Protein backbone atom coordinates (compact mmCIF):
# COMPACT_ATOMS: atom_id res chain seq x y z
CA MET A 1 -6.86 -0.74 46.55
CA LYS A 2 -5.90 2.41 45.10
CA LYS A 3 -5.90 2.95 41.56
CA HIS A 4 -2.64 4.78 39.84
CA LEU A 5 -4.15 7.86 37.90
CA VAL A 6 -1.92 8.46 35.04
CA PRO A 7 -1.59 12.20 34.36
CA SER A 8 -2.68 13.85 31.04
CA GLN A 9 0.83 15.45 30.52
CA GLN A 10 2.25 11.81 30.70
CA ILE A 11 -0.62 10.44 28.30
CA SER A 12 -0.02 12.84 25.73
CA ALA A 13 4.00 12.28 25.97
CA GLN A 14 3.45 8.49 25.59
CA THR A 15 0.69 9.35 22.77
CA LEU A 16 3.54 11.64 21.04
CA GLU A 17 6.04 8.78 21.22
CA THR A 18 4.06 6.18 19.69
CA VAL A 19 3.12 8.38 16.78
CA THR A 20 6.36 9.66 16.17
CA GLU A 21 7.35 6.09 16.08
CA ILE A 22 4.71 4.90 13.70
CA TRP A 23 5.71 7.85 11.47
CA ASP A 24 9.35 6.70 11.41
CA GLU A 25 8.88 3.35 10.62
CA TRP A 26 6.18 4.18 7.93
CA ARG A 27 9.12 6.41 6.44
CA ARG A 28 11.39 3.31 6.45
CA GLN A 29 9.19 0.73 4.75
CA LYS A 30 7.84 1.65 1.78
CA LEU A 31 6.19 -1.75 0.75
CA PRO A 32 3.12 -1.38 2.86
CA LEU A 33 2.52 1.82 1.14
CA TYR A 34 2.77 0.83 -1.99
CA LEU A 35 0.50 -2.41 -1.63
CA PHE A 36 -2.25 -0.04 -0.08
CA LEU A 37 -1.66 2.35 -2.98
CA ALA A 38 -2.13 -0.63 -5.89
CA MET A 39 -4.94 -1.85 -4.09
CA CYS A 40 -6.74 1.56 -4.52
CA PHE A 41 -5.83 1.85 -8.09
CA ASN A 42 -7.23 -2.22 -8.48
CA LEU A 43 -10.51 -0.19 -7.34
CA ILE A 44 -10.65 1.90 -10.72
CA VAL A 45 -9.31 -0.59 -12.66
CA ALA A 46 -10.91 -3.83 -11.51
CA PRO A 47 -14.69 -2.47 -12.50
CA MET A 48 -13.07 -1.65 -15.85
CA VAL A 49 -11.89 -4.88 -16.62
CA TYR A 50 -15.12 -6.11 -15.36
CA ALA A 51 -17.33 -4.08 -17.89
CA THR A 52 -14.79 -4.40 -20.94
CA THR A 53 -15.41 -8.08 -20.68
CA GLY A 54 -18.76 -7.97 -20.85
CA GLU A 55 -19.11 -9.57 -18.06
CA THR A 56 -18.38 -12.78 -18.95
CA LEU A 57 -15.67 -12.96 -16.26
CA SER A 58 -16.74 -13.20 -12.61
CA ARG A 59 -15.43 -10.01 -10.01
CA PRO A 60 -13.33 -12.12 -8.46
CA GLN A 61 -11.27 -12.90 -11.65
CA SER A 62 -11.69 -9.33 -12.92
CA TRP A 63 -9.88 -8.18 -9.73
CA ALA A 64 -7.21 -10.89 -10.19
CA LEU A 65 -6.62 -9.56 -13.89
CA GLY A 66 -6.36 -5.92 -12.54
CA LEU A 67 -3.57 -7.18 -9.91
CA LEU A 68 -1.73 -9.08 -12.75
CA GLY A 69 -2.17 -5.74 -14.74
CA LEU A 70 -0.87 -3.75 -12.39
CA VAL A 71 2.32 -6.01 -11.83
CA VAL A 72 3.15 -6.67 -15.18
CA VAL A 73 3.25 -2.96 -15.25
CA SER A 74 5.32 -2.07 -11.86
CA LEU A 75 8.09 -5.09 -13.46
CA SER A 76 8.37 -3.94 -16.17
CA THR A 77 8.35 -0.21 -15.09
CA TYR A 78 11.33 -1.39 -12.73
CA LEU A 79 13.15 -3.41 -15.44
CA PHE A 80 13.32 -0.54 -17.58
CA PHE A 81 15.34 1.46 -14.82
CA VAL A 82 17.50 -1.44 -14.15
CA MET A 83 18.11 -1.67 -17.96
CA PHE A 84 19.46 2.10 -18.11
CA VAL A 85 20.44 3.14 -14.60
CA PRO A 86 22.13 0.03 -13.68
CA GLU A 87 24.47 1.92 -10.83
CA LYS A 88 21.33 2.85 -8.82
CA PHE A 89 20.93 -0.95 -7.97
């Protein structure tokens, strides 16, 4: 059996097309980016919560409290803008 070899130009064109498609999807869908940034920020917040409680809370509980705090701040910011700039929504 003879294998069909793909020229390097065709591979690079396919790779470029795939990267362009991923970039376009990323620019349209912001939720995954926001979730990623929230998790990265929680890497900073959770140890502070864990240290502040004097280790009376477990690590998963401190992570949950950190995420809960991020959600509360995000929702309050969103509701603030909805109340004062309703025509954007």
